[in-house]
C-alpha atoms as a PDB file:
ATOM      1  CA  MET A   1      -4.735  -1.812  23.828  1.00  0.00           C
ATOM      2  CA  PHE A   2      -6.827   0.531  21.676  1.00  0.00           C
ATOM      3  CA  ASP A   3     -10.444   1.459  22.230  1.00  0.00           C
ATOM      4  CA  ASN A   4     -12.908   0.631  19.485  1.00  0.00           C
ATOM      5  CA  GLY A   5     -13.933   3.567  17.335  1.00  0.00           C
ATOM      6  CA  ALA A   6     -12.361   6.446  15.466  1.00  0.00           C
ATOM      7  CA  LEU A   7      -8.604   6.901  15.557  1.00  0.00           C
ATOM      8  CA  SER A   8      -7.311   9.084  18.352  1.00  0.00           C
ATOM      9  CA  ILE A   9      -5.523  12.327  17.636  1.00  0.00           C
ATOM     10  CA  TRP A  10      -2.223  10.600  18.514  1.00  0.00           C
ATOM     11  CA  VAL A  11      -2.706   7.845  15.941  1.00  0.00           C
ATOM     12  CA  ARG A  12      -3.708  10.394  13.280  1.00  0.00           C
ATOM     13  CA  LEU A  13      -0.662  12.518  14.200  1.00  0.00           C
ATOM     14  CA  TYR A  14       1.512   9.436  13.700  1.00  0.00           C
ATOM     15  CA  ILE A  15      -0.055   8.650  10.300  1.00  0.00           C
ATOM     16  CA  TYR A  16       0.320  12.249   9.120  1.00  0.00           C
ATOM     17  CA  ALA A  17       3.889  12.521  10.410  1.00  0.00           C
ATOM     18  CA  ILE A  18       5.033   9.303   8.726  1.00  0.00           C
ATOM     19  CA  HIS A  19       3.271  10.278   5.493  1.00  0.00           C
ATOM     20  CA  GLY A  20       4.977  13.686   5.431  1.00  0.00           C
ATOM     21  CA  TYR A  21       8.344  12.164   6.281  1.00  0.00           C
ATOM     22  CA  PHE A  22       8.061   9.596   3.482  1.00  0.00           C
ATOM     23  CA  THR A  23       6.788  12.179   0.992  1.00  0.00           C
ATOM     24  CA  GLU A  24       9.701  14.506   1.712  1.00  0.00           C
ATOM     25  CA  ILE A  25      12.223  11.715   1.235  1.00  0.00           C
ATOM     26  CA  MET A  26      10.615  10.775  -2.085  1.00  0.00           C
ATOM     27  CA  PHE A  27      10.412  14.413  -3.213  1.00  0.00           C
ATOM     28  CA  THR A  28      14.057  15.128  -2.420  1.00  0.00           C
ATOM     29  CA  ALA A  29      15.127  11.884  -4.120  1.00  0.00           C
ATOM     30  CA  GLY A  30      13.160  12.804  -7.237  1.00  0.00           C
ATOM     31  CA  TRP A  31      14.510  16.354  -7.142  1.00  0.00           C
ATOM     32  CA  GLU A  32      18.073  15.052  -6.880  1.00  0.00           C
ATOM     33  CA  PHE A  33      17.508  12.802  -9.874  1.00  0.00           C
ATOM     34  CA  VAL A  34      15.851  15.443 -12.087  1.00  0.00           C
ATOM     35  CA  VAL A  35      18.159  18.351 -11.213  1.00  0.00           C
ATOM     36  CA  ASN A  36      21.495  16.516 -10.766  1.00  0.00           C
ATOM     37  CA  MET A  37      20.792  13.275 -12.686  1.00  0.00           C
ATOM     38  CA  ASN A  38      21.802  11.278  -9.618  1.00  0.00           C
ATOM     39  CA  PRO A  39      20.646   7.676 -10.229  1.00  0.00           C
ATOM     40  CA  LYS A  40      21.138   6.812  -6.536  1.00  0.00           C
ATOM     41  CA  PHE A  41      17.961   8.805  -5.638  1.00  0.00           C
ATOM     42  CA  PRO A  42      19.319   9.998  -2.277  1.00  0.00           C
ATOM     43  CA  GLY A  43      16.260  11.279  -0.441  1.00  0.00           C
ATOM     44  CA  VAL A  44      16.898  13.300   2.700  1.00  0.00           C
ATOM     45  CA  THR A  45      14.896  14.785   5.519  1.00  0.00           C
ATOM     46  CA  SER A  46      15.189  15.670   9.192  1.00  0.00           C
ATOM     47  CA  VAL A  47      13.632  14.199  12.312  1.00  0.00           C
ATOM     48  CA  TRP A  48      12.070  17.630  12.808  1.00  0.00           C
ATOM     49  CA  SER A  49       9.931  16.871   9.749  1.00  0.00           C
ATOM     50  CA  LEU A  50       7.929  14.297  11.710  1.00  0.00           C
ATOM     51  CA  PHE A  51       6.676  17.011  14.064  1.00  0.00           C
ATOM     52  CA  ILE A  52       6.306  19.626  11.317  1.00  0.00           C
ATOM     53  CA  TYR A  53       4.271  17.446   8.935  1.00  0.00           C
ATOM     54  CA  GLY A  54       2.264  15.757  11.681  1.00  0.00           C
ATOM     55  CA  ILE A  55       1.055  18.998  13.259  1.00  0.00           C
ATOM     56  CA  SER A  56       0.523  20.659   9.875  1.00  0.00           C
ATOM     57  CA  ASN A  57      -1.701  17.853   8.591  1.00  0.00           C
ATOM     58  CA  LEU A  58      -3.704  17.832  11.828  1.00  0.00           C
ATOM     59  CA  VAL A  59      -4.369  21.554  11.310  1.00  0.00           C
ATOM     60  CA  ILE A  60      -5.331  20.941   7.662  1.00  0.00           C
ATOM     61  CA  GLU A  61      -7.597  18.088   8.810  1.00  0.00           C
ATOM     62  CA  ARG A  62      -9.412  20.463  11.186  1.00  0.00           C
ATOM     63  CA  MET A  63      -9.714  23.078   8.427  1.00  0.00           C
ATOM     64  CA  TYR A  64     -11.069  20.450   6.027  1.00  0.00           C
ATOM     65  CA  ILE A  65     -13.744  19.347   8.504  1.00  0.00           C
ATOM     66  CA  LYS A  66     -14.831  22.939   9.133  1.00  0.00           C
ATOM     67  CA  LEU A  67     -14.644  24.196   5.527  1.00  0.00           C
ATOM     68  CA  LYS A  68     -15.644  21.229   3.324  1.00  0.00           C
ATOM     69  CA  ASP A  69     -19.353  22.086   3.257  1.00  0.00           C
ATOM     70  CA  THR A  70     -19.003  25.840   2.778  1.00  0.00           C
ATOM     71  CA  ILE A  71     -15.808  26.577   0.819  1.00  0.00           C
ATOM     72  CA  SER A  72     -15.021  25.258  -2.663  1.00  0.00           C
ATOM     73  CA  LEU A  73     -12.063  22.945  -3.220  1.00  0.00           C
ATOM     74  CA  PRO A  74      -9.875  25.496  -5.097  1.00  0.00           C
ATOM     75  CA  ILE A  75     -10.280  28.053  -2.292  1.00  0.00           C
ATOM     76  CA  ARG A  76      -9.560  25.403   0.366  1.00  0.00           C
ATOM     77  CA  LEU A  77      -6.373  24.454  -1.500  1.00  0.00           C
ATOM     78  CA  ILE A  78      -5.243  28.094  -1.479  1.00  0.00           C
ATOM     79  CA  ILE A  79      -6.022  28.343   2.257  1.00  0.00           C
ATOM     80  CA  TYR A  80      -4.090  25.138   2.974  1.00  0.00           C
ATOM     81  CA  THR A  81      -1.138  26.329   0.878  1.00  0.00           C
ATOM     82  CA  LEU A  82      -1.047  29.651   2.740  1.00  0.00           C
ATOM     83  CA  TRP A  83      -1.071  27.679   5.997  1.00  0.00           C
ATOM     84  CA  ILE A  84       1.824  25.536   4.728  1.00  0.00           C
ATOM     85  CA  TYR A  85       3.861  28.647   3.916  1.00  0.00           C
ATOM     86  CA  MET A  86       3.150  30.236   7.317  1.00  0.00           C
ATOM     87  CA  TRP A  87       3.942  26.978   9.136  1.00  0.00           C
ATOM     88  CA  GLU A  88       7.124  26.309   7.149  1.00  0.00           C
ATOM     89  CA  PHE A  89       8.317  29.874   7.705  1.00  0.00           C
ATOM     90  CA  SER A  90       7.574  29.927  11.437  1.00  0.00           C
ATOM     91  CA  THR A  91       8.988  26.473  12.195  1.00  0.00           C
ATOM     92  CA  GLY A  92      12.032  27.247  10.062  1.00  0.00           C
ATOM     93  CA  LEU A  93      12.540  30.525  11.915  1.00  0.00           C
ATOM     94  CA  VAL A  94      12.411  28.765  15.295  1.00  0.00           C
ATOM     95  CA  LEU A  95      14.735  25.955  14.147  1.00  0.00           C
ATOM     96  CA  ARG A  96      17.168  28.466  12.663  1.00  0.00           C
ATOM     97  CA  GLN A  97      17.589  30.018  16.135  1.00  0.00           C
ATOM     98  CA  PHE A  98      19.123  26.683  17.206  1.00  0.00           C
ATOM     99  CA  ASN A  99      21.035  26.129  13.954  1.00  0.00           C
ATOM    100  CA  ALA A 100      18.701  23.179  13.296  1.00  0.00           C
ATOM    101  CA  CYS A 101      16.721  24.279  10.225  1.00  0.00           C
ATOM    102  CA  PRO A 102      17.160  21.475   7.680  1.00  0.00           C
ATOM    103  CA  TRP A 103      16.208  23.518   4.614  1.00  0.00           C
ATOM    104  CA  ASP A 104      17.648  26.587   2.936  1.00  0.00           C
ATOM    105  CA  TYR A 105      15.920  28.111  -0.079  1.00  0.00           C
ATOM    106  CA  THR A 106      18.368  30.981  -0.602  1.00  0.00           C
ATOM    107  CA  PRO A 107      19.482  29.592  -4.010  1.00  0.00           C
ATOM    108  CA  PHE A 108      15.907  30.023  -5.286  1.00  0.00           C
ATOM    109  CA  GLU A 109      14.908  33.237  -7.018  1.00  0.00           C
ATOM    110  CA  TRP A 110      11.665  33.797  -5.073  1.00  0.00           C
ATOM    111  CA  ASP A 111      12.774  32.792  -1.590  1.00  0.00           C
ATOM    112  CA  PHE A 112      11.832  34.694   1.554  1.00  0.00           C
ATOM    113  CA  PHE A 113      14.684  34.711   4.094  1.00  0.00           C
ATOM    114  CA  GLY A 114      15.674  31.301   2.748  1.00  0.00           C
ATOM    115  CA  LEU A 115      12.835  29.734   4.745  1.00  0.00           C
ATOM    116  CA  VAL A 116      10.162  29.510   2.034  1.00  0.00           C
ATOM    117  CA  THR A 117      10.132  29.844  -1.734  1.00  0.00           C
ATOM    118  CA  LEU A 118       7.333  30.569  -4.167  1.00  0.00           C
ATOM    119  CA  GLU A 119       8.857  28.143  -6.677  1.00  0.00           C
ATOM    120  CA  TYR A 120       7.390  25.315  -4.600  1.00  0.00           C
ATOM    121  CA  ALA A 121       3.819  26.662  -4.708  1.00  0.00           C
ATOM    122  CA  PRO A 122       2.664  24.234  -7.454  1.00  0.00           C
ATOM    123  CA  ALA A 123       4.137  21.298  -5.526  1.00  0.00           C
ATOM    124  CA  TRP A 124       2.453  22.468  -2.321  1.00  0.00           C
ATOM    125  CA  LEU A 125      -0.879  22.866  -4.122  1.00  0.00           C
ATOM    126  CA  LEU A 126      -0.627  19.330  -5.449  1.00  0.00           C
ATOM    127  CA  GLY A 127       0.481  18.099  -2.033  1.00  0.00           C
ATOM    128  CA  VAL A 128      -2.442  19.645  -0.158  1.00  0.00           C
ATOM    129  CA  PHE A 129      -4.846  18.394  -2.818  1.00  0.00           C
ATOM    130  CA  LEU A 130      -3.595  14.832  -2.308  1.00  0.00           C
ATOM    131  CA  SER A 131      -3.521  15.317   1.462  1.00  0.00           C
ATOM    132  CA  GLU A 132      -7.158  16.353   1.577  1.00  0.00           C
ATOM    133  CA  GLN A 133      -8.552  14.047  -1.084  1.00  0.00           C
ATOM    134  CA  VAL A 134      -6.635  10.900  -0.137  1.00  0.00           C
ATOM    135  CA  LEU A 135      -4.707  11.051   3.132  1.00  0.00           C
ATOM    136  CA  ILE A 136      -7.103  12.982   5.376  1.00  0.00           C
ATOM    137  CA  LYS A 137     -10.353  11.579   3.959  1.00  0.00           C
ATOM    138  CA  GLN A 138      -9.113   8.000   4.251  1.00  0.00           C
ATOM    139  CA  THR A 139      -7.532   8.506   7.681  1.00  0.00           C
ATOM    140  CA  LEU A 140     -10.805   9.890   9.010  1.00  0.00           C
ATOM    141  CA  ARG A 141     -12.563   6.755   7.750  1.00  0.00           C
ATOM    142  CA  LEU A 142     -10.253   4.439   9.706  1.00  0.00           C
ATOM    143  CA  CYS A 143     -11.300   3.049  13.048  1.00  0.00           C
ATOM    144  CA  PHE A 144     -10.294   0.380  15.529  1.00  0.00           C
ATOM    145  CA  SER A 145     -12.619  -2.537  15.949  1.00  0.00           C
ATOM    146  CA  ASP A 146     -12.582  -5.862  17.715  1.00  0.00           C
ATOM    147  CA  ASP A 147     -12.120  -8.983  15.576  1.00  0.00           C
ATOM    148  CA  GLU A 148     -15.751 -10.054  15.844  1.00  0.00           C
ATOM    149  CA  ALA A 149     -17.050  -6.839  14.284  1.00  0.00           C
ATOM    150  CA  VAL A 150     -14.637  -6.841  11.345  1.00  0.00           C
ATOM    151  CA  GLY A 151     -15.781  -9.939   9.543  1.00  0.00           C
ATOM    152  CA  GLN A 152     -18.721 -12.252  10.142  1.00  0.00           C
ATOM    153  CA  LYS A 153     -20.117 -15.038   8.014  1.00  0.00           C
ATOM    154  CA  THR A 154     -23.496 -14.588   6.377  1.00  0.00           C
ATOM    155  CA  HIS A 155     -26.140 -17.301   6.222  1.00  0.00           C
ATOM    156  CA  ASN A 156     -24.599 -18.671   2.998  1.00  0.00           C
ATOM    157  CA  GLY A 157     -21.083 -18.867   4.441  1.00  0.00           C
ATOM    158  CA  GLN A 158     -19.597 -15.768   2.775  1.00  0.00           C
ATOM    159  CA  LEU A 159     -17.552 -13.358   4.806  1.00  0.00           C
ATOM    160  CA  LYS A 160     -19.081  -9.908   5.174  1.00  0.00           C
ATOM    161  CA  ASN A 161     -17.348  -6.825   6.474  1.00  0.00           C
ATOM    162  CA  LYS A 162     -19.483  -4.860   8.922  1.00  0.00           C
ATOM    163  CA  LEU A 163     -17.252  -1.775   8.657  1.00  0.00           C
ATOM    164  CA  LEU A 164     -17.837  -1.262   4.955  1.00  0.00           C
END
C-alpha cells in the first residue's frame, strides 16, 4: 500500500494535523481547569483545526529544513511564532466570513480583531519549540519499510534493526 522510504507529504500532513488537534484539545482542557477550576477538563476544538495545524506544521517543517543550518534556534522560534500569528489571523479572517471561526480572543487585553492575542505568545513559543525539536525532527526520521528490512537476526540469533 505504501512505498518504502520517507513519509509522503500526505502522511506528514496527517501526523501534524492530528498532533495539532490533540494539542488544542489538551490545551483548552487545561485552560478550562486552571481558569474555571472545571474538574471535567472539557477540551474543545474544531474540525477546521485539522487543516489549520496540518498546513501550518508543514510550513514550519519546510522552514526548519531551510533554516536549521544558518539561523539560530531562538531566531527560528521567533520566525515560527510570527508565522503562527499570520496563519492564525488569516485563517480566522477567512473562517469569520462564513461565521465558522472557532476562536474569539476579544476578551483578552492584547487581542487583534479577536483573531489573535499576544497573551498566547509564550505558549506559541513553547509550542513551536516542541514542534521543531520533537514532532518535526522525529516525523522526518520516520519511513516505511518492508518487514524484511525492519528486523533481521544476526549470526548469534539476536534481532537487529536495520533502520536504527
